[in-house]
Amino acid sequence: MGYDEMITSPCDGVIEQICVQENCRIYEWDSLFKIRTSDGDLETVSLGLSGLLRSLEVYVGEEVISGMVLAYIAEDLVVSGSD
């Protein structure tokens, strides 16, 4: 396991769905959260990393703002070597 990575909200809105649970493994580009924006659009939050979801910092129905922390992930770091 690597270090804890913050997952932050990409937009202002309301948490409509949490697609993951604490202490579960996530994989690259999994859907993690769905946020309903003030325009009525549904924004899906996903990341290009994998690891263990350490903690959820929001709940369904909570208002969020852009940059707000949604969760923390212990990112898997793949070590590769070169000559």
Protein backbone atom coordinates (compact mmCIF):
# COMPACT_ATOMS: atom_id res chain seq x y z
CA MET A 1 0.00 0.00 0.00
CA GLY A 2 1.08 3.53 -0.65
CA TYR A 3 0.02 6.87 0.75
CA ASP A 4 -3.45 8.30 1.32
CA GLU A 5 -4.85 10.18 -1.67
CA MET A 6 -7.74 12.63 -1.32
CA ILE A 7 -10.74 12.31 -3.60
CA THR A 8 -12.26 15.76 -4.05
CA SER A 9 -15.48 16.96 -5.59
CA PRO A 10 -15.13 18.24 -9.16
CA CYS A 11 -18.21 20.45 -8.81
CA ASP A 12 -20.81 22.04 -6.52
CA GLY A 13 -23.92 19.94 -5.92
CA VAL A 14 -25.54 17.27 -3.78
CA ILE A 15 -24.27 13.70 -3.26
CA GLU A 16 -26.88 11.56 -4.98
CA GLN A 17 -25.15 8.19 -4.77
CA ILE A 18 -22.10 6.66 -3.10
CA CYS A 19 -21.00 3.68 -5.18
CA VAL A 20 -18.33 2.37 -2.77
CA GLN A 21 -17.96 1.41 0.89
CA GLU A 22 -15.23 2.07 3.44
CA ASN A 23 -12.42 -0.51 3.48
CA CYS A 24 -13.28 -1.81 0.00
CA ARG A 25 -10.84 -2.08 -2.89
CA ILE A 26 -11.37 0.27 -5.79
CA TYR A 27 -9.93 0.00 -9.27
CA GLU A 28 -8.99 2.59 -11.87
CA TRP A 29 -11.97 4.45 -13.30
CA ASP A 30 -14.56 2.81 -10.98
CA SER A 31 -17.58 5.05 -10.39
CA LEU A 32 -17.15 6.32 -6.82
CA PHE A 33 -19.75 9.07 -6.37
CA LYS A 34 -22.59 10.63 -8.32
CA ILE A 35 -23.21 14.33 -7.70
CA ARG A 36 -26.32 16.21 -8.85
CA THR A 37 -25.28 19.71 -9.89
CA SER A 38 -27.45 22.82 -9.48
CA ASP A 39 -28.09 22.61 -13.26
CA GLY A 40 -29.62 19.15 -12.74
CA ASP A 41 -26.75 17.30 -14.42
CA LEU A 42 -25.42 14.09 -12.87
CA GLU A 43 -21.62 14.20 -12.49
CA THR A 44 -19.83 10.86 -11.95
CA VAL A 45 -16.64 10.94 -9.87
CA SER A 46 -13.96 8.39 -10.82
CA LEU A 47 -10.16 8.35 -10.61
CA GLY A 48 -7.28 6.85 -12.52
CA LEU A 49 -5.91 5.00 -9.50
CA SER A 50 -6.56 1.87 -7.50
CA GLY A 51 -6.26 1.10 -3.81
CA LEU A 52 -8.15 0.67 -0.56
CA LEU A 53 -10.87 3.16 0.34
CA ARG A 54 -9.85 4.27 3.84
CA SER A 55 -12.72 6.61 4.71
CA LEU A 56 -15.83 8.28 3.33
CA GLU A 57 -16.14 11.93 4.31
CA VAL A 58 -19.65 12.60 2.90
CA TYR A 59 -23.13 11.06 2.96
CA VAL A 60 -26.01 10.80 0.48
CA GLY A 61 -27.94 14.07 0.39
CA GLU A 62 -25.00 16.19 1.60
CA GLU A 63 -24.25 19.43 -0.24
CA VAL A 64 -20.68 19.63 -1.54
CA ILE A 65 -18.58 22.32 -3.14
CA SER A 66 -15.83 22.02 -5.71
CA GLY A 67 -12.60 20.84 -4.05
CA MET A 68 -14.32 19.41 -0.96
CA VAL A 69 -12.85 16.09 0.25
CA LEU A 70 -15.18 13.16 -0.46
CA ALA A 71 -12.97 10.26 0.64
CA TYR A 72 -9.41 9.06 1.26
CA ILE A 73 -7.79 6.16 -0.61
CA ALA A 74 -4.58 4.32 0.25
CA GLU A 75 -3.24 4.22 -3.29
CA ASP A 76 -1.45 1.14 -4.66
CA LEU A 77 1.94 2.15 -5.94
CA VAL A 78 3.47 -0.12 -8.55
CA VAL A 79 7.23 -0.08 -8.40
CA SER A 80 8.95 -0.55 -11.72
CA GLY A 81 12.63 -0.60 -12.46
CA SER A 82 14.73 0.50 -15.38
CA ASP A 83 18.29 -0.11 -16.54
